[in-house]
Amino acid sequence: MTTVAPGLVEYTNIRWNADWCKRCLICVEACPRQALALKDDAIIEVGGCDRTGLCQRICPDLAIEVIKPRTGEERR
């Protein structure tokens, strides 16, 4: 975990903006791999992320970003 800017936390596969996030848990509940969790008032990556980008697409606050989304060629 690396802090890139105030409020912005970079994990292996995602960037999470603590300042924008309202902790609604939509991203946690939507993740098909259950790779996200809320711990100590932070969204954390707990492993198993396959970078589908669903969390990023569904977040109403634009508070989560997939660092390197999978391309069609990687899914083969």
C-alpha atoms as a PDB file:
ATOM      1  CA  MET A   1       0.000   0.000   0.000  1.00  0.00           C
ATOM      2  CA  THR A   2       1.357   3.409  -1.012  1.00  0.00           C
ATOM      3  CA  THR A   3      -0.078   6.840  -0.406  1.00  0.00           C
ATOM      4  CA  VAL A   4       0.207   8.813  -3.649  1.00  0.00           C
ATOM      5  CA  ALA A   5      -1.478  12.085  -2.623  1.00  0.00           C
ATOM      6  CA  PRO A   6      -3.517  13.160   0.393  1.00  0.00           C
ATOM      7  CA  GLY A   7      -6.517  10.878   0.520  1.00  0.00           C
ATOM      8  CA  LEU A   8      -5.322   8.703  -2.382  1.00  0.00           C
ATOM      9  CA  VAL A   9      -4.141   5.193  -1.491  1.00  0.00           C
ATOM     10  CA  GLU A  10      -2.566   2.915  -4.087  1.00  0.00           C
ATOM     11  CA  TYR A  11      -2.767  -0.837  -3.650  1.00  0.00           C
ATOM     12  CA  THR A  12      -1.537  -3.482  -6.098  1.00  0.00           C
ATOM     13  CA  ASN A  13      -4.556  -3.329  -8.420  1.00  0.00           C
ATOM     14  CA  ILE A  14      -6.588  -0.304  -7.338  1.00  0.00           C
ATOM     15  CA  ARG A  15      -6.315   3.327  -6.257  1.00  0.00           C
ATOM     16  CA  TRP A  16      -8.763   4.425  -3.606  1.00  0.00           C
ATOM     17  CA  ASN A  17      -9.555   8.062  -2.801  1.00  0.00           C
ATOM     18  CA  ALA A  18     -10.473   8.290   0.870  1.00  0.00           C
ATOM     19  CA  ASP A  19     -11.587  11.910   0.505  1.00  0.00           C
ATOM     20  CA  TRP A  20     -14.164  11.105  -2.190  1.00  0.00           C
ATOM     21  CA  CYS A  21     -15.382   7.788  -0.763  1.00  0.00           C
ATOM     22  CA  LYS A  22     -18.515   7.858   1.399  1.00  0.00           C
ATOM     23  CA  ARG A  23     -18.036   4.196   2.469  1.00  0.00           C
ATOM     24  CA  CYS A  24     -21.298   3.046   0.868  1.00  0.00           C
ATOM     25  CA  LEU A  25     -19.706  -0.407   0.239  1.00  0.00           C
ATOM     26  CA  ILE A  26     -21.166  -0.689  -3.261  1.00  0.00           C
ATOM     27  CA  CYS A  27     -17.721  -1.623  -4.607  1.00  0.00           C
ATOM     28  CA  VAL A  28     -17.202  -4.226  -1.866  1.00  0.00           C
ATOM     29  CA  GLU A  29     -20.577  -5.859  -2.502  1.00  0.00           C
ATOM     30  CA  ALA A  30     -20.226  -5.757  -6.307  1.00  0.00           C
ATOM     31  CA  CYS A  31     -16.769  -7.327  -6.530  1.00  0.00           C
ATOM     32  CA  PRO A  32     -17.163 -10.799  -8.081  1.00  0.00           C
ATOM     33  CA  ARG A  33     -13.922 -11.992  -6.411  1.00  0.00           C
ATOM     34  CA  GLN A  34     -14.629 -10.450  -2.986  1.00  0.00           C
ATOM     35  CA  ALA A  35     -11.265  -8.720  -3.288  1.00  0.00           C
ATOM     36  CA  LEU A  36     -12.317  -5.570  -1.394  1.00  0.00           C
ATOM     37  CA  ALA A  37     -13.243  -4.990   2.229  1.00  0.00           C
ATOM     38  CA  LEU A  38     -13.847  -2.131   4.646  1.00  0.00           C
ATOM     39  CA  LYS A  39     -11.315  -2.144   7.488  1.00  0.00           C
ATOM     40  CA  ASP A  40     -10.562   0.685   9.904  1.00  0.00           C
ATOM     41  CA  ASP A  41     -12.701   3.092   7.821  1.00  0.00           C
ATOM     42  CA  ALA A  42     -10.736   2.303   4.640  1.00  0.00           C
ATOM     43  CA  ILE A  43     -11.502   0.266   1.557  1.00  0.00           C
ATOM     44  CA  ILE A  44      -8.695  -2.264   1.266  1.00  0.00           C
ATOM     45  CA  GLU A  45      -7.693  -4.824  -1.320  1.00  0.00           C
ATOM     46  CA  VAL A  46      -7.674  -8.226   0.377  1.00  0.00           C
ATOM     47  CA  GLY A  47      -6.450 -10.268  -2.575  1.00  0.00           C
ATOM     48  CA  GLY A  48      -7.955 -12.060  -5.514  1.00  0.00           C
ATOM     49  CA  CYS A  49      -8.502  -8.943  -7.643  1.00  0.00           C
ATOM     50  CA  ASP A  50      -8.641  -9.836 -11.319  1.00  0.00           C
ATOM     51  CA  ARG A  51      -8.950  -6.185 -12.469  1.00  0.00           C
ATOM     52  CA  THR A  52     -12.309  -6.511 -14.184  1.00  0.00           C
ATOM     53  CA  GLY A  53     -13.020  -2.882 -13.285  1.00  0.00           C
ATOM     54  CA  LEU A  54     -16.522  -3.481 -11.943  1.00  0.00           C
ATOM     55  CA  CYS A  55     -15.746  -1.584  -8.730  1.00  0.00           C
ATOM     56  CA  GLN A  56     -14.597   1.420 -10.749  1.00  0.00           C
ATOM     57  CA  ARG A  57     -17.621   1.394 -13.047  1.00  0.00           C
ATOM     58  CA  ILE A  58     -20.153   1.049 -10.230  1.00  0.00           C
ATOM     59  CA  CYS A  59     -18.734   3.577  -7.722  1.00  0.00           C
ATOM     60  CA  PRO A  60     -21.111   6.582  -7.582  1.00  0.00           C
ATOM     61  CA  ASP A  61     -18.352   8.814  -6.172  1.00  0.00           C
ATOM     62  CA  LEU A  62     -15.536   7.892  -8.601  1.00  0.00           C
ATOM     63  CA  ALA A  63     -13.486   7.033  -5.523  1.00  0.00           C
ATOM     64  CA  ILE A  64     -11.937   3.811  -6.797  1.00  0.00           C
ATOM     65  CA  GLU A  65      -9.855   3.226  -9.902  1.00  0.00           C
ATOM     66  CA  VAL A  66      -8.438   0.025 -11.348  1.00  0.00           C
ATOM     67  CA  ILE A  67      -4.752   0.632 -12.021  1.00  0.00           C
ATOM     68  CA  LYS A  68      -4.342  -1.744 -14.965  1.00  0.00           C
ATOM     69  CA  PRO A  69      -7.684  -3.078 -16.226  1.00  0.00           C
ATOM     70  CA  ARG A  70      -7.538  -6.346 -18.084  1.00  0.00           C
ATOM     71  CA  THR A  71      -7.636  -6.169 -21.853  1.00  0.00           C
ATOM     72  CA  GLY A  72      -9.524  -8.584 -24.096  1.00  0.00           C
ATOM     73  CA  GLU A  73      -6.265 -10.374 -24.988  1.00  0.00           C
ATOM     74  CA  GLU A  74      -5.403 -11.104 -21.341  1.00  0.00           C
ATOM     75  CA  ARG A  75      -8.757 -12.802 -20.769  1.00  0.00           C
ATOM     76  CA  ARG A  76      -8.021 -15.600 -23.223  1.00  0.00           C
END
